[in-house]
Amino acid sequence: MTINQAIGEKVHTLMWRQGVTQERMAVELGVTQAAISKKVRGKRPFSVEELLRTAVLLRTSISELLAGVKLPHLDSNQEPIGHSRLITPIGGRHRIPRKRTLRPVAA
C-alpha cells in the first residue's frame, strides 16, 4: 500500500463514518468530485492545504490522518524517487552541476 492509498483510505473511512459525500468534500476543497475520487483511491496525492481542509471538514487532525502511514525508508546513499541530480536549464539541455571551488582573493 502506498502513502497516497493509506491516506486516501483513512479519509474515505472518516467520510463514510460522518456521512460526508465526495461532492461536499469537492466543494470544500475547491476541486471536482472526480479529483476527490482519485484522491481517496490513492491515485492522486492530497496537497498539504487539502489535508488541512480535509482535517477541518472531518473534525480531526492531520496527525490522525497520517497515523499509521509508513514512510519509505531511505539508506543514506539513496535519493527519493523522482529526484534527479540533473538540472534542466531554460534552454532545455541537461547538464550535471559542477562542484564549485573557492579561489583565493588576491590582496
C-alpha atoms as a PDB file:
ATOM      1  CA  MET A   1       0.000   0.000   0.000  1.00  0.00           C
ATOM      2  CA  THR A   2       1.380   3.402  -0.985  1.00  0.00           C
ATOM      3  CA  ILE A   3       1.326   6.527   1.184  1.00  0.00           C
ATOM      4  CA  ASN A   4      -1.383   8.047  -1.023  1.00  0.00           C
ATOM      5  CA  GLN A   5      -3.515   4.908  -0.727  1.00  0.00           C
ATOM      6  CA  ALA A   6      -3.136   4.808   3.065  1.00  0.00           C
ATOM      7  CA  ILE A   7      -4.137   8.469   3.465  1.00  0.00           C
ATOM      8  CA  GLY A   8      -6.986   8.060   0.983  1.00  0.00           C
ATOM      9  CA  GLU A   9      -8.297   5.011   2.837  1.00  0.00           C
ATOM     10  CA  LYS A  10      -8.260   6.879   6.146  1.00  0.00           C
ATOM     11  CA  VAL A  11     -10.028   9.889   4.609  1.00  0.00           C
ATOM     12  CA  HIS A  12     -12.605   7.614   2.959  1.00  0.00           C
ATOM     13  CA  THR A  13     -13.327   5.844   6.262  1.00  0.00           C
ATOM     14  CA  LEU A  14     -13.823   9.153   8.090  1.00  0.00           C
ATOM     15  CA  MET A  15     -16.038  10.457   5.277  1.00  0.00           C
ATOM     16  CA  TRP A  16     -18.201   7.328   5.473  1.00  0.00           C
ATOM     17  CA  ARG A  17     -18.494   7.483   9.288  1.00  0.00           C
ATOM     18  CA  GLN A  18     -19.518  11.152   9.228  1.00  0.00           C
ATOM     19  CA  GLY A  19     -21.709  10.998   6.145  1.00  0.00           C
ATOM     20  CA  VAL A  20     -19.590  13.414   4.124  1.00  0.00           C
ATOM     21  CA  THR A  21     -20.052  12.934   0.385  1.00  0.00           C
ATOM     22  CA  GLN A  22     -17.399  13.305  -2.293  1.00  0.00           C
ATOM     23  CA  GLU A  23     -19.428  16.181  -3.721  1.00  0.00           C
ATOM     24  CA  ARG A  24     -19.347  18.084  -0.414  1.00  0.00           C
ATOM     25  CA  MET A  25     -15.636  17.361   0.008  1.00  0.00           C
ATOM     26  CA  ALA A  26     -15.013  18.626  -3.537  1.00  0.00           C
ATOM     27  CA  VAL A  27     -16.823  21.898  -2.824  1.00  0.00           C
ATOM     28  CA  GLU A  28     -14.881  22.412   0.417  1.00  0.00           C
ATOM     29  CA  LEU A  29     -11.521  21.711  -1.251  1.00  0.00           C
ATOM     30  CA  GLY A  30     -12.311  23.580  -4.451  1.00  0.00           C
ATOM     31  CA  VAL A  31     -11.776  20.585  -6.731  1.00  0.00           C
ATOM     32  CA  THR A  32     -14.012  18.292  -8.761  1.00  0.00           C
ATOM     33  CA  GLN A  33     -15.766  15.197  -7.454  1.00  0.00           C
ATOM     34  CA  ALA A  34     -13.607  13.142  -9.848  1.00  0.00           C
ATOM     35  CA  ALA A  35     -10.461  14.567  -8.224  1.00  0.00           C
ATOM     36  CA  ILE A  36     -11.742  13.566  -4.773  1.00  0.00           C
ATOM     37  CA  SER A  37     -12.476  10.080  -6.088  1.00  0.00           C
ATOM     38  CA  LYS A  38      -8.887   9.756  -7.318  1.00  0.00           C
ATOM     39  CA  LYS A  39      -7.503  11.074  -4.036  1.00  0.00           C
ATOM     40  CA  VAL A  40      -9.438   8.667  -1.793  1.00  0.00           C
ATOM     41  CA  ARG A  41      -8.389   5.775  -4.052  1.00  0.00           C
ATOM     42  CA  GLY A  42      -4.748   6.845  -3.770  1.00  0.00           C
ATOM     43  CA  LYS A  43      -4.393   7.598  -7.476  1.00  0.00           C
ATOM     44  CA  ARG A  44      -3.634  11.285  -6.817  1.00  0.00           C
ATOM     45  CA  PRO A  45      -1.977  12.766  -3.699  1.00  0.00           C
ATOM     46  CA  PHE A  46      -3.538  15.288  -1.324  1.00  0.00           C
ATOM     47  CA  SER A  47      -1.676  18.592  -1.114  1.00  0.00           C
ATOM     48  CA  VAL A  48      -0.791  19.945   2.321  1.00  0.00           C
ATOM     49  CA  GLU A  49      -3.531  22.570   2.021  1.00  0.00           C
ATOM     50  CA  GLU A  50      -6.048  19.886   1.031  1.00  0.00           C
ATOM     51  CA  LEU A  51      -5.038  17.776   4.042  1.00  0.00           C
ATOM     52  CA  LEU A  52      -5.572  20.791   6.316  1.00  0.00           C
ATOM     53  CA  ARG A  53      -9.022  21.495   4.871  1.00  0.00           C
ATOM     54  CA  THR A  54      -9.920  17.783   4.971  1.00  0.00           C
ATOM     55  CA  ALA A  55      -8.942  17.546   8.629  1.00  0.00           C
ATOM     56  CA  VAL A  56     -11.120  20.563   9.483  1.00  0.00           C
ATOM     57  CA  LEU A  57     -14.074  19.225   7.491  1.00  0.00           C
ATOM     58  CA  LEU A  58     -13.804  15.779   9.087  1.00  0.00           C
ATOM     59  CA  ARG A  59     -13.242  17.259  12.576  1.00  0.00           C
ATOM     60  CA  THR A  60      -9.889  15.574  13.065  1.00  0.00           C
ATOM     61  CA  SER A  61      -6.194  16.460  12.925  1.00  0.00           C
ATOM     62  CA  ILE A  62      -3.598  15.973  10.231  1.00  0.00           C
ATOM     63  CA  SER A  63      -1.686  13.734  12.634  1.00  0.00           C
ATOM     64  CA  GLU A  64      -4.767  11.493  12.831  1.00  0.00           C
ATOM     65  CA  LEU A  65      -4.979  11.388   9.025  1.00  0.00           C
ATOM     66  CA  LEU A  66      -1.309  10.381   8.867  1.00  0.00           C
ATOM     67  CA  ALA A  67      -1.390   7.975  11.828  1.00  0.00           C
ATOM     68  CA  GLY A  68      -0.151   4.546  10.834  1.00  0.00           C
ATOM     69  CA  VAL A  69       1.107   5.690   7.434  1.00  0.00           C
ATOM     70  CA  LYS A  70       4.511   4.128   6.892  1.00  0.00           C
ATOM     71  CA  LEU A  71       7.030   6.285   5.113  1.00  0.00           C
ATOM     72  CA  PRO A  72       9.545   4.566   2.847  1.00  0.00           C
ATOM     73  CA  HIS A  73      12.963   4.103   4.427  1.00  0.00           C
ATOM     74  CA  LEU A  74      15.922   5.507   2.540  1.00  0.00           C
ATOM     75  CA  ASP A  75      19.501   4.457   3.084  1.00  0.00           C
ATOM     76  CA  SER A  76      21.921   7.335   3.457  1.00  0.00           C
ATOM     77  CA  ASN A  77      23.128   6.753  -0.125  1.00  0.00           C
ATOM     78  CA  GLN A  78      19.678   6.689  -1.722  1.00  0.00           C
ATOM     79  CA  GLU A  79      17.720   9.583  -3.129  1.00  0.00           C
ATOM     80  CA  PRO A  80      13.928   9.881  -3.111  1.00  0.00           C
ATOM     81  CA  ILE A  81      12.120   8.545  -6.167  1.00  0.00           C
ATOM     82  CA  GLY A  82      11.656  11.261  -8.748  1.00  0.00           C
ATOM     83  CA  HIS A  83      14.661  13.205  -7.512  1.00  0.00           C
ATOM     84  CA  SER A  84      17.209  13.932 -10.175  1.00  0.00           C
ATOM     85  CA  ARG A  85      20.665  15.360  -9.958  1.00  0.00           C
ATOM     86  CA  LEU A  86      20.293  16.670 -13.464  1.00  0.00           C
ATOM     87  CA  ILE A  87      19.302  20.289 -13.780  1.00  0.00           C
ATOM     88  CA  THR A  88      17.349  21.385 -16.805  1.00  0.00           C
ATOM     89  CA  PRO A  89      18.155  24.978 -17.687  1.00  0.00           C
ATOM     90  CA  ILE A  90      15.763  27.194 -19.624  1.00  0.00           C
ATOM     91  CA  GLY A  91      17.363  26.137 -22.912  1.00  0.00           C
ATOM     92  CA  GLY A  92      16.331  22.528 -22.217  1.00  0.00           C
ATOM     93  CA  ARG A  93      19.828  20.980 -22.307  1.00  0.00           C
ATOM     94  CA  HIS A  94      20.726  18.759 -19.382  1.00  0.00           C
ATOM     95  CA  ARG A  95      23.957  19.215 -17.551  1.00  0.00           C
ATOM     96  CA  ILE A  96      25.466  17.796 -14.403  1.00  0.00           C
ATOM     97  CA  PRO A  97      26.182  20.505 -11.830  1.00  0.00           C
ATOM     98  CA  ARG A  98      29.858  21.113 -11.208  1.00  0.00           C
ATOM     99  CA  LYS A  99      31.370  21.393  -7.788  1.00  0.00           C
ATOM    100  CA  ARG A 100      32.363  24.957  -7.137  1.00  0.00           C
ATOM    101  CA  THR A 101      35.759  25.632  -5.687  1.00  0.00           C
ATOM    102  CA  LEU A 102      36.699  28.790  -3.897  1.00  0.00           C
ATOM    103  CA  ARG A 103      39.646  30.669  -5.283  1.00  0.00           C
ATOM    104  CA  PRO A 104      41.762  32.834  -3.016  1.00  0.00           C
ATOM    105  CA  VAL A 105      41.252  36.552  -3.453  1.00  0.00           C
ATOM    106  CA  ALA A 106      44.367  38.470  -4.417  1.00  0.00           C
ATOM    107  CA  ALA A 107      45.339  41.032  -1.804  1.00  0.00           C
END
